[in-house]
Amino acid sequence: MILAIDQGTTGTTAIVFDADGRPAGRAYSEFEQQFPRPGWVEHDAAEIWQTTERVAHEALAAAGDPPLAGIGITNQRETVVAWDRETGEPLHNAIVWQDRRTADRCAELREAGHEERFRERTGLVLDPYFSGTKIEWLIREGGVDPQRACFGTIDSWLIFKMTGSHQTDYTNASRTLLFDIHARAWDPELCELLGVPLESLPEPYPSVHPYGEWGGTPVAGIAGDQQAALFGQACHEPGEGKNTYGTGSFVLQNAGTVAPEPVEGLLVTAAAGEDYALEASIFVTGAAVQWLRDALGVIGTAAETETLAADLAGNDGVYFVPALTGLGSPHWDPHARGTIVGLTRGTGHAHLARAALEAMAYQTHDAVRVMEEASGAPLQELKADGGAVVNEWLMQFQADVLGVPVVVPEVSETTALGAAYLAGIGTDLWHAERTRAMWREAARYEPKMGADERGELLGGWQRALTAMRAAEEA
């Protein structure tokens, strides 16, 4: 069996998968989200490790404490941890991928003419979403001495706690703004530009690699959450793609073994194995539902949104642009603010819940259309995974808006499954061809909406985006 650890933005999951790729034991634990200033998001790295240890042991117990062939890790990407290389203790809270504190610094770098250099070498845009300027901030403003610090993304932090080594994988390294995705190595010029010593960064390796052992079990597979989901969805051929619905949503398409040219609105990133991927990173989807629940009290649970949305015959012109941490692909506007348009005296909780769900589908639509244009290949179907796939109303609406089927796999937690597949390959439990055969369809949503209605809804969404931009410029 394989233990997969999925260290996410709001909690940590551990799943034990059997030899057929089916879950045999599962555990989950949330941890605290910290918001020290507007636009800042932090995690306690020590708490992340504590939850990881706990859920790993609980999942193994739930599975009957079976012998393990290997361990796979997948993680929230871009989030940065700094720890003391001697004591192993965190030197600062982890700065989360959603954090926008370096927006002005990214603007400075763009104005200085550095954008194209970053774009060509890393496949990324200059945005505070990525790790590089977060590390620079920790050194310049956070009081972290780079001579005593180890820097890394969450995978690197977990590997260190498990094995004592300072390592990462190519998929996570490719999200830092410091990694040359063509050479698959740290870029000395970019590191110097941001003041990050090369020796403070982890050694990068392929996703399938012997990273060391934890409790006598080899850690044999690592990938950032979205690349792990792409692998877990068996998207091994160029043109195959998926969307993961989580705190944000992430549309990835396998681009083959040659990195494509940079595309406006999209990212080019390393995929698991030797492949590359086109990616659209949507910052806020599920987080908008959490905001309605936790900040506004509009709903009691996320599950309520399905019933509330279905109770309405239409959206009555209410649209929610959930730019709560800026806008990601394909807009890339770090200064965008959340906007709700179309409010009347008749607007109620159901309208807001439905608008949050619709926004997930609209943002995915926008990303997919840009990706289709870039690849020249119309989407035939969208493989969907993540927590929101249990919302049947959303899945049907997504199919309607895209005009193509949305397919949900038997194992919806494909991020963890992808990490398990990689570890299984790394320990010779499975071959890559076997993992493709293990993918199983659970549900298929065929589009039912007419072209006129689809166009009307998408037109309303575009008008909401225009209103958001007008408010931003006012």
Protein backbone atom coordinates (compact mmCIF):
# COMPACT_ATOMS: atom_id res chain seq x y z
CA MET A 1 0.00 0.00 0.00
CA ILE A 2 0.94 3.64 -0.46
CA LEU A 3 0.49 6.52 1.98
CA ALA A 4 -0.30 9.80 0.23
CA ILE A 5 -0.03 13.08 2.12
CA ASP A 6 -1.93 16.02 0.64
CA GLN A 7 -0.89 19.17 2.46
CA GLY A 8 -3.45 21.78 1.38
CA THR A 9 -4.23 25.43 2.02
CA THR A 10 -6.83 24.91 4.74
CA GLY A 11 -5.95 21.45 6.02
CA THR A 12 -3.88 18.30 5.63
CA THR A 13 -5.22 15.00 4.32
CA ALA A 14 -3.60 11.57 4.46
CA ILE A 15 -4.97 8.65 2.44
CA VAL A 16 -3.79 5.06 2.30
CA PHE A 17 -4.32 3.58 -1.18
CA ASP A 18 -4.43 -0.14 -1.88
CA ALA A 19 -2.80 -1.92 -4.83
CA ASP A 20 -5.80 -1.07 -7.05
CA GLY A 21 -5.59 2.66 -6.28
CA ARG A 22 -8.63 2.69 -4.01
CA PRO A 23 -8.67 4.47 -0.62
CA ALA A 24 -8.31 2.12 2.34
CA GLY A 25 -7.94 4.68 5.13
CA ARG A 26 -8.28 8.45 5.39
CA ALA A 27 -7.74 11.26 7.90
CA TYR A 28 -8.00 15.04 7.72
CA SER A 29 -7.16 17.96 9.98
CA GLU A 30 -7.66 21.70 9.48
CA PHE A 31 -5.23 24.30 10.77
CA GLU A 32 -5.39 28.01 11.51
CA GLN A 33 -5.45 30.64 8.78
CA GLN A 34 -3.70 33.84 9.85
CA PHE A 35 -4.39 37.27 8.32
CA PRO A 36 -2.02 39.70 10.07
CA ARG A 37 -2.76 42.56 7.64
CA PRO A 38 -5.12 43.13 4.70
CA GLY A 39 -3.86 41.05 1.79
CA TRP A 40 -1.49 39.02 3.97
CA VAL A 41 -2.04 35.29 4.55
CA GLU A 42 0.17 33.15 6.77
CA HIS A 43 0.35 29.65 8.24
CA ASP A 44 2.22 28.28 11.22
CA ALA A 45 4.73 25.89 9.63
CA ALA A 46 5.10 23.95 12.88
CA GLU A 47 1.33 23.40 12.98
CA ILE A 48 1.43 22.18 9.38
CA TRP A 49 3.99 19.55 10.35
CA GLN A 50 2.00 18.56 13.44
CA THR A 51 -1.17 18.03 11.41
CA THR A 52 0.82 16.06 8.83
CA GLU A 53 2.19 13.68 11.45
CA ARG A 54 -1.23 13.28 13.05
CA VAL A 55 -3.24 12.55 9.93
CA ALA A 56 -0.60 10.16 8.62
CA HIS A 57 -0.85 8.03 11.75
CA GLU A 58 -4.66 8.29 11.82
CA ALA A 59 -5.00 7.23 8.18
CA LEU A 60 -2.72 4.25 8.74
CA ALA A 61 -4.74 3.24 11.78
CA ALA A 62 -7.97 3.56 9.78
CA ALA A 63 -6.49 1.24 7.15
CA GLY A 64 -5.48 -1.32 9.77
CA ASP A 65 -1.79 -0.34 9.97
CA PRO A 66 -0.76 -2.15 6.78
CA PRO A 67 2.83 -2.45 5.59
CA LEU A 68 3.68 0.39 3.22
CA ALA A 69 5.58 0.24 -0.05
CA GLY A 70 6.14 3.99 -0.11
CA ILE A 71 5.03 7.53 0.70
CA GLY A 72 3.94 10.21 -1.74
CA ILE A 73 3.66 13.92 -0.95
CA THR A 74 1.63 16.61 -2.65
CA ASN A 75 1.22 20.13 -1.38
CA GLN A 76 -0.09 23.66 -1.71
CA ARG A 77 2.39 25.28 -4.05
CA GLU A 78 4.21 28.63 -3.87
CA THR A 79 3.75 28.87 -0.08
CA VAL A 80 7.17 29.57 1.43
CA VAL A 81 8.74 28.32 4.65
CA ALA A 82 12.03 29.53 6.15
CA TRP A 83 13.65 27.41 8.85
CA ASP A 84 16.92 27.31 10.76
CA ARG A 85 19.28 24.86 9.07
CA GLU A 86 20.75 23.87 12.47
CA THR A 87 17.72 23.65 14.76
CA GLY A 88 15.06 22.87 12.14
CA GLU A 89 12.73 25.44 13.70
CA PRO A 90 10.70 27.86 11.55
CA LEU A 91 12.15 31.37 11.41
CA HIS A 92 8.89 33.02 10.34
CA ASN A 93 5.32 32.04 9.61
CA ALA A 94 4.87 30.45 6.21
CA ILE A 95 3.81 33.03 3.62
CA VAL A 96 0.89 31.52 1.73
CA TRP A 97 0.40 31.52 -2.03
CA GLN A 98 -2.66 33.77 -1.60
CA ASP A 99 -0.57 36.48 0.09
CA ARG A 100 -0.30 39.79 -1.82
CA ARG A 101 2.29 41.67 0.25
CA THR A 102 4.82 41.76 -2.60
CA ALA A 103 2.48 43.22 -5.24
CA ASP A 104 4.35 46.53 -5.28
CA ARG A 105 7.70 44.76 -5.57
CA CYS A 106 6.44 42.78 -8.56
CA ALA A 107 5.32 46.05 -10.15
CA GLU A 108 8.82 47.50 -9.58
CA LEU A 109 10.40 44.51 -11.31
CA ARG A 110 8.04 44.88 -14.25
CA GLU A 111 8.75 48.60 -14.53
CA ALA A 112 12.48 47.85 -14.47
CA GLY A 113 12.03 45.64 -17.53
CA HIS A 114 12.54 42.23 -15.92
CA GLU A 115 9.18 40.64 -16.80
CA GLU A 116 10.29 39.05 -20.07
CA ARG A 117 13.37 37.47 -18.50
CA PHE A 118 11.28 35.83 -15.78
CA ARG A 119 8.64 34.78 -18.32
CA GLU A 120 11.08 33.14 -20.72
CA ARG A 121 13.05 31.23 -18.10
CA THR A 122 10.40 30.30 -15.54
CA GLY A 123 7.19 30.21 -17.60
CA LEU A 124 5.56 32.43 -14.95
CA VAL A 125 4.40 36.02 -14.71
CA LEU A 126 5.67 38.52 -12.16
CA ASP A 127 2.99 38.17 -9.52
CA PRO A 128 3.10 38.00 -5.70
CA TYR A 129 1.40 34.59 -6.02
CA PHE A 130 4.78 32.97 -6.69
CA SER A 131 7.51 32.19 -4.17
CA GLY A 132 10.48 34.28 -5.28
CA THR A 133 9.39 37.69 -4.03
CA LYS A 134 8.07 36.09 -0.84
CA ILE A 135 11.57 34.76 -0.11
CA GLU A 136 13.04 38.16 -0.96
CA TRP A 137 10.58 39.77 1.48
CA LEU A 138 11.57 37.35 4.25
CA ILE A 139 15.20 38.36 3.78
CA ARG A 140 14.63 42.11 3.37
CA GLU A 141 11.68 42.71 5.67
CA GLY A 142 11.05 39.56 7.69
CA GLY A 143 14.32 39.45 9.60
CA VAL A 144 15.41 36.09 8.17
CA ASP A 145 19.19 35.64 7.83
CA PRO A 146 19.74 33.77 4.54
CA GLN A 147 23.06 32.41 5.80
CA ARG A 148 21.37 30.38 8.53
CA ALA A 149 18.09 29.72 6.73
CA CYS A 150 16.77 26.98 4.54
CA PHE A 151 14.03 28.17 2.20
CA GLY A 152 11.52 25.90 0.55
CA THR A 153 7.98 25.28 -0.49
CA ILE A 154 5.81 23.08 1.69
CA ASP A 155 7.06 19.83 0.13
CA SER A 156 10.61 20.82 1.03
CA TRP A 157 9.59 21.57 4.62
CA LEU A 158 7.89 18.19 4.97
CA ILE A 159 10.84 16.35 3.40
CA PHE A 160 13.17 18.08 5.85
CA LYS A 161 11.03 17.08 8.83
CA MET A 162 10.76 13.50 7.56
CA THR A 163 14.28 12.85 6.32
CA GLY A 164 16.51 15.69 7.50
CA SER A 165 17.41 16.58 3.90
CA HIS A 166 16.86 19.82 1.96
CA GLN A 167 15.20 18.74 -1.29
CA THR A 168 12.32 19.63 -3.60
CA ASP A 169 10.89 18.37 -6.86
CA TYR A 170 10.80 20.05 -10.25
CA THR A 171 7.07 20.80 -10.15
CA ASN A 172 7.33 22.77 -6.92
CA ALA A 173 10.59 24.44 -7.93
CA SER A 174 8.91 25.59 -11.14
CA ARG A 175 6.52 27.76 -9.06
CA THR A 176 9.17 29.92 -7.42
CA LEU A 177 10.21 32.45 -10.14
CA LEU A 178 13.75 31.20 -9.48
CA PHE A 179 13.79 27.96 -11.51
CA ASP A 180 14.73 27.62 -15.18
CA ILE A 181 12.10 25.17 -16.46
CA HIS A 182 14.15 24.44 -19.59
CA ALA A 183 17.38 23.57 -17.77
CA ARG A 184 15.44 22.19 -14.78
CA ALA A 185 17.80 23.99 -12.42
CA TRP A 186 17.88 27.12 -10.26
CA ASP A 187 18.67 30.20 -12.31
CA PRO A 188 21.66 32.04 -10.78
CA GLU A 189 20.77 35.39 -12.40
CA LEU A 190 17.18 35.38 -11.15
CA CYS A 191 18.29 34.31 -7.69
CA GLU A 192 20.84 37.15 -7.62
CA LEU A 193 18.23 39.64 -8.82
CA LEU A 194 15.99 38.77 -5.84
CA GLY A 195 18.88 38.42 -3.41
CA VAL A 196 18.32 34.72 -2.73
CA PRO A 197 21.53 32.70 -2.14
CA LEU A 198 21.60 29.49 -4.18
CA GLU A 199 22.87 27.56 -1.16
CA SER A 200 19.71 28.46 0.78
CA LEU A 201 17.50 26.66 -1.75
CA PRO A 202 16.69 22.93 -1.81
CA GLU A 203 18.22 20.51 -4.29
CA PRO A 204 15.66 19.87 -7.07
CA TYR A 205 14.89 16.38 -8.36
CA PRO A 206 12.30 14.66 -10.58
CA SER A 207 8.91 13.90 -9.05
CA VAL A 208 9.75 10.19 -8.94
CA HIS A 209 12.92 10.03 -6.87
CA PRO A 210 14.26 8.42 -3.67
CA TYR A 211 13.98 11.39 -1.31
CA GLY A 212 14.82 9.43 1.82
CA GLU A 213 12.85 7.48 4.40
CA TRP A 214 10.34 8.31 7.09
CA GLY A 215 10.00 5.65 9.75
CA GLY A 216 11.71 3.16 7.45
CA THR A 217 9.36 3.77 4.51
CA PRO A 218 10.75 5.40 1.35
CA VAL A 219 9.45 8.82 0.33
CA ALA A 220 9.43 8.13 -3.41
CA GLY A 221 7.08 10.57 -5.12
CA ILE A 222 6.46 14.32 -4.82
CA ALA A 223 4.52 16.83 -6.90
CA GLY A 224 2.80 20.15 -6.36
CA ASP A 225 -0.92 19.72 -5.89
CA GLN A 226 -2.03 20.66 -9.40
CA GLN A 227 0.61 18.63 -11.19
CA ALA A 228 -0.26 15.72 -8.91
CA ALA A 229 -3.93 16.09 -9.85
CA LEU A 230 -3.03 16.16 -13.56
CA PHE A 231 -1.14 12.89 -13.06
CA GLY A 232 -3.90 11.44 -10.89
CA GLN A 233 -6.43 12.21 -13.64
CA ALA A 234 -4.29 10.13 -16.02
CA CYS A 235 -3.70 13.13 -18.30
CA HIS A 236 -0.49 11.67 -19.67
CA GLU A 237 -0.89 12.69 -23.31
CA PRO A 238 -0.58 16.17 -24.85
CA GLY A 239 -3.95 17.94 -24.96
CA GLU A 240 -5.48 16.08 -22.02
CA GLY A 241 -6.58 18.38 -19.22
CA LYS A 242 -8.33 18.75 -15.87
CA ASN A 243 -9.69 21.32 -13.43
CA THR A 244 -9.25 21.00 -9.69
CA TYR A 245 -11.87 22.83 -7.62
CA GLY A 246 -10.47 23.77 -4.25
CA THR A 247 -9.74 27.01 -2.43
CA GLY A 248 -8.87 28.21 -5.92
CA SER A 249 -9.29 26.37 -9.21
CA PHE A 250 -6.53 25.24 -11.48
CA VAL A 251 -6.92 24.18 -15.09
CA LEU A 252 -3.93 22.23 -16.42
CA GLN A 253 -3.35 20.73 -19.85
CA ASN A 254 -0.53 18.32 -20.66
CA ALA A 255 1.75 20.08 -23.17
CA GLY A 256 4.16 17.22 -23.91
CA THR A 257 7.91 17.05 -23.43
CA VAL A 258 8.78 20.39 -25.07
CA ALA A 259 7.95 23.56 -23.13
CA PRO A 260 5.48 25.66 -25.14
CA GLU A 261 6.10 29.33 -25.82
CA PRO A 262 4.74 31.72 -23.17
CA VAL A 263 1.06 32.52 -23.72
CA GLU A 264 -0.67 35.68 -22.53
CA GLY A 265 -2.88 34.87 -19.54
CA LEU A 266 -1.46 31.37 -19.00
CA LEU A 267 1.51 29.84 -17.23
CA VAL A 268 3.98 27.27 -18.49
CA THR A 269 5.04 24.91 -15.75
CA ALA A 270 6.81 21.61 -15.14
CA ALA A 271 4.52 18.60 -14.95
CA ALA A 272 5.31 15.33 -13.21
CA GLY A 273 7.78 13.26 -15.20
CA GLU A 274 9.39 14.83 -18.26
CA ASP A 275 6.29 16.70 -19.40
CA TYR A 276 5.32 20.35 -19.28
CA ALA A 277 1.86 21.79 -18.76
CA LEU A 278 -0.13 24.88 -19.62
CA GLU A 279 -1.83 26.21 -16.51
CA ALA A 280 -4.54 28.67 -15.66
CA SER A 281 -4.44 29.56 -11.96
CA ILE A 282 -7.72 30.92 -10.59
CA PHE A 283 -7.11 32.31 -7.13
CA VAL A 284 -10.57 32.25 -5.52
CA THR A 285 -13.34 29.73 -6.16
CA GLY A 286 -14.07 27.56 -3.12
CA ALA A 287 -12.63 30.33 -0.95
CA ALA A 288 -15.56 32.52 -2.03
CA VAL A 289 -17.96 29.99 -0.53
CA GLN A 290 -15.86 29.91 2.64
CA TRP A 291 -16.05 33.72 2.75
CA LEU A 292 -19.84 33.66 2.46
CA ARG A 293 -19.93 31.16 5.32
CA ASP A 294 -17.28 32.49 7.69
CA ALA A 295 -17.24 36.24 7.09
CA LEU A 296 -20.86 36.98 6.14
CA GLY A 297 -22.79 34.08 7.67
CA VAL A 298 -24.82 33.73 4.46
CA ILE A 299 -24.60 29.93 4.67
CA GLY A 300 -23.94 27.48 7.46
CA THR A 301 -22.11 24.89 5.36
CA ALA A 302 -20.67 24.77 1.85
CA ALA A 303 -23.10 21.98 0.98
CA GLU A 304 -26.04 24.38 1.39
CA THR A 305 -25.04 26.25 -1.76
CA GLU A 306 -26.27 23.43 -3.98
CA THR A 307 -29.84 23.57 -2.66
CA LEU A 308 -29.88 27.36 -2.56
CA ALA A 309 -28.68 27.63 -6.17
CA ALA A 310 -31.16 25.04 -7.40
CA ASP A 311 -34.06 26.83 -5.68
CA LEU A 312 -33.68 29.79 -8.04
CA ALA A 313 -34.94 29.68 -11.62
CA GLY A 314 -32.09 31.99 -12.65
CA ASN A 315 -29.48 34.31 -11.22
CA ASP A 316 -31.70 37.41 -11.54
CA GLY A 317 -28.72 39.38 -12.80
CA VAL A 318 -26.60 38.91 -9.66
CA TYR A 319 -22.91 38.28 -10.39
CA PHE A 320 -20.00 37.90 -7.97
CA VAL A 321 -16.44 38.57 -9.15
CA PRO A 322 -14.55 36.91 -6.26
CA ALA A 323 -11.31 38.87 -6.56
CA LEU A 324 -10.69 38.54 -2.83
CA THR A 325 -6.93 38.12 -3.39
CA GLY A 326 -6.67 39.70 -6.82
CA LEU A 327 -7.50 37.95 -10.08
CA GLY A 328 -5.41 35.15 -11.55
CA SER A 329 -5.59 33.62 -15.03
CA PRO A 330 -6.33 34.87 -17.57
CA HIS A 331 -6.53 38.42 -16.14
CA TRP A 332 -3.53 38.58 -13.76
CA ASP A 333 -4.59 41.65 -11.83
CA PRO A 334 -3.10 41.66 -8.31
CA HIS A 335 -4.98 44.84 -7.38
CA ALA A 336 -8.48 43.62 -8.34
CA ARG A 337 -11.06 43.66 -5.54
CA GLY A 338 -14.12 41.50 -5.08
CA THR A 339 -17.30 42.89 -6.62
CA ILE A 340 -20.98 41.91 -6.48
CA VAL A 341 -23.25 43.48 -9.09
CA GLY A 342 -26.99 43.34 -9.74
CA LEU A 343 -28.17 43.67 -6.15
CA THR A 344 -31.80 44.65 -5.51
CA ARG A 345 -34.18 44.59 -2.55
CA GLY A 346 -35.16 41.11 -3.70
CA THR A 347 -31.61 39.75 -3.50
CA GLY A 348 -31.22 37.10 -0.81
CA HIS A 349 -28.82 34.50 0.48
CA ALA A 350 -29.67 32.13 -2.38
CA HIS A 351 -28.58 34.68 -4.97
CA LEU A 352 -25.22 35.17 -3.29
CA ALA A 353 -24.67 31.43 -2.94
CA ARG A 354 -25.57 30.86 -6.58
CA ALA A 355 -23.37 33.75 -7.71
CA ALA A 356 -20.38 32.22 -5.91
CA LEU A 357 -20.94 28.87 -7.66
CA GLU A 358 -21.53 30.50 -11.03
CA ALA A 359 -18.28 32.46 -10.63
CA MET A 360 -16.37 29.18 -10.36
CA ALA A 361 -17.79 28.10 -13.72
CA TYR A 362 -17.31 31.47 -15.44
CA GLN A 363 -13.68 31.76 -14.36
CA THR A 364 -13.04 28.21 -15.55
CA HIS A 365 -14.72 29.02 -18.87
CA ASP A 366 -12.47 32.06 -19.37
CA ALA A 367 -9.36 30.03 -18.61
CA VAL A 368 -10.32 27.14 -20.87
CA ARG A 369 -11.04 29.42 -23.82
CA VAL A 370 -7.59 31.03 -23.58
CA MET A 371 -6.02 27.58 -23.27
CA GLU A 372 -7.89 26.32 -26.34
CA GLU A 373 -6.67 29.30 -28.33
CA ALA A 374 -3.09 28.73 -27.20
CA SER A 375 -3.03 25.00 -27.92
CA GLY A 376 -5.21 25.06 -31.03
CA ALA A 377 -7.12 22.06 -29.69
CA PRO A 378 -10.79 22.48 -28.68
CA LEU A 379 -11.57 20.88 -25.33
CA GLN A 380 -13.41 17.59 -25.79
CA GLU A 381 -14.22 17.07 -22.12
CA LEU A 382 -13.13 18.50 -18.79
CA LYS A 383 -11.98 16.11 -16.08
CA ALA A 384 -12.97 17.59 -12.74
CA ASP A 385 -11.74 16.86 -9.23
CA GLY A 386 -11.51 18.47 -5.81
CA GLY A 387 -14.05 19.04 -3.08
CA ALA A 388 -16.61 20.89 -5.20
CA VAL A 389 -17.28 17.94 -7.52
CA VAL A 390 -19.85 16.67 -4.99
CA ASN A 391 -21.95 19.71 -5.91
CA GLU A 392 -24.00 18.32 -8.78
CA TRP A 393 -25.58 21.69 -9.55
CA LEU A 394 -22.13 23.22 -10.07
CA MET A 395 -20.89 20.35 -12.24
CA GLN A 396 -23.96 20.59 -14.49
CA PHE A 397 -23.65 24.38 -14.71
CA GLN A 398 -19.97 24.02 -15.59
CA ALA A 399 -20.83 21.64 -18.43
CA ASP A 400 -23.54 24.03 -19.61
CA VAL A 401 -21.24 27.06 -19.62
CA LEU A 402 -18.39 25.23 -21.36
CA GLY A 403 -20.62 23.36 -23.80
CA VAL A 404 -18.65 20.11 -23.28
CA PRO A 405 -19.04 17.18 -20.86
CA VAL A 406 -17.61 17.42 -17.36
CA VAL A 407 -16.30 14.07 -16.12
CA VAL A 408 -15.80 13.21 -12.45
CA PRO A 409 -13.54 10.27 -11.49
CA GLU A 410 -14.34 7.53 -9.01
CA VAL A 411 -11.64 8.85 -6.68
CA SER A 412 -12.32 12.58 -6.50
CA GLU A 413 -9.21 13.26 -4.40
CA THR A 414 -6.99 12.93 -7.43
CA THR A 415 -4.33 15.19 -5.94
CA ALA A 416 -3.56 12.59 -3.29
CA LEU A 417 -4.04 9.82 -5.85
CA GLY A 418 -1.46 11.42 -8.14
CA ALA A 419 1.05 11.54 -5.29
CA ALA A 420 0.29 7.88 -4.58
CA TYR A 421 0.80 6.97 -8.24
CA LEU A 422 4.18 8.72 -8.28
CA ALA A 423 5.30 6.96 -5.09
CA GLY A 424 4.01 3.65 -6.43
CA ILE A 425 6.02 4.08 -9.61
CA GLY A 426 9.05 5.08 -7.54
CA THR A 427 8.85 1.90 -5.48
CA ASP A 428 7.99 -0.39 -8.44
CA LEU A 429 4.52 -1.10 -7.09
CA TRP A 430 3.02 0.20 -10.35
CA HIS A 431 4.14 1.12 -13.85
CA ALA A 432 2.92 4.35 -15.46
CA GLU A 433 0.70 2.40 -17.88
CA ARG A 434 -0.96 0.67 -14.95
CA THR A 435 -1.93 3.99 -13.36
CA ARG A 436 -3.76 5.04 -16.54
CA ALA A 437 -5.75 1.80 -16.48
CA MET A 438 -6.65 2.40 -12.82
CA TRP A 439 -8.47 5.69 -13.59
CA ARG A 440 -12.24 5.14 -13.39
CA GLU A 441 -15.15 7.42 -14.29
CA ALA A 442 -17.87 7.97 -11.69
CA ALA A 443 -20.14 10.60 -13.27
CA ARG A 444 -20.54 12.48 -16.54
CA TYR A 445 -22.44 15.76 -16.94
CA GLU A 446 -23.56 16.50 -20.49
CA PRO A 447 -24.28 20.13 -21.46
CA LYS A 448 -28.00 20.94 -21.63
CA MET A 449 -28.04 24.73 -21.97
CA GLY A 450 -28.82 26.40 -25.27
CA ALA A 451 -26.32 28.71 -26.96
CA ASP A 452 -28.49 31.81 -26.45
CA GLU A 453 -28.82 31.31 -22.71
CA ARG A 454 -25.12 30.52 -22.42
CA GLY A 455 -24.24 33.70 -24.28
CA GLU A 456 -26.54 35.80 -22.13
CA LEU A 457 -25.01 34.49 -18.90
CA LEU A 458 -21.44 34.93 -20.13
CA GLY A 459 -22.30 38.44 -21.29
CA GLY A 460 -23.49 39.27 -17.79
CA TRP A 461 -20.25 37.91 -16.38
CA GLN A 462 -18.20 40.09 -18.72
CA ARG A 463 -20.22 43.13 -17.66
CA ALA A 464 -19.49 42.28 -14.02
CA LEU A 465 -15.76 42.16 -14.80
CA THR A 466 -16.06 45.55 -16.48
CA ALA A 467 -17.81 46.95 -13.39
CA MET A 468 -15.07 45.55 -11.17
CA ARG A 469 -12.36 47.23 -13.27
CA ALA A 470 -14.25 50.52 -13.27
CA ALA A 471 -14.45 50.46 -9.48
CA GLU A 472 -10.74 49.63 -9.28
CA GLU A 473 -9.86 52.67 -11.41
CA ALA A 474 -12.21 55.07 -9.62
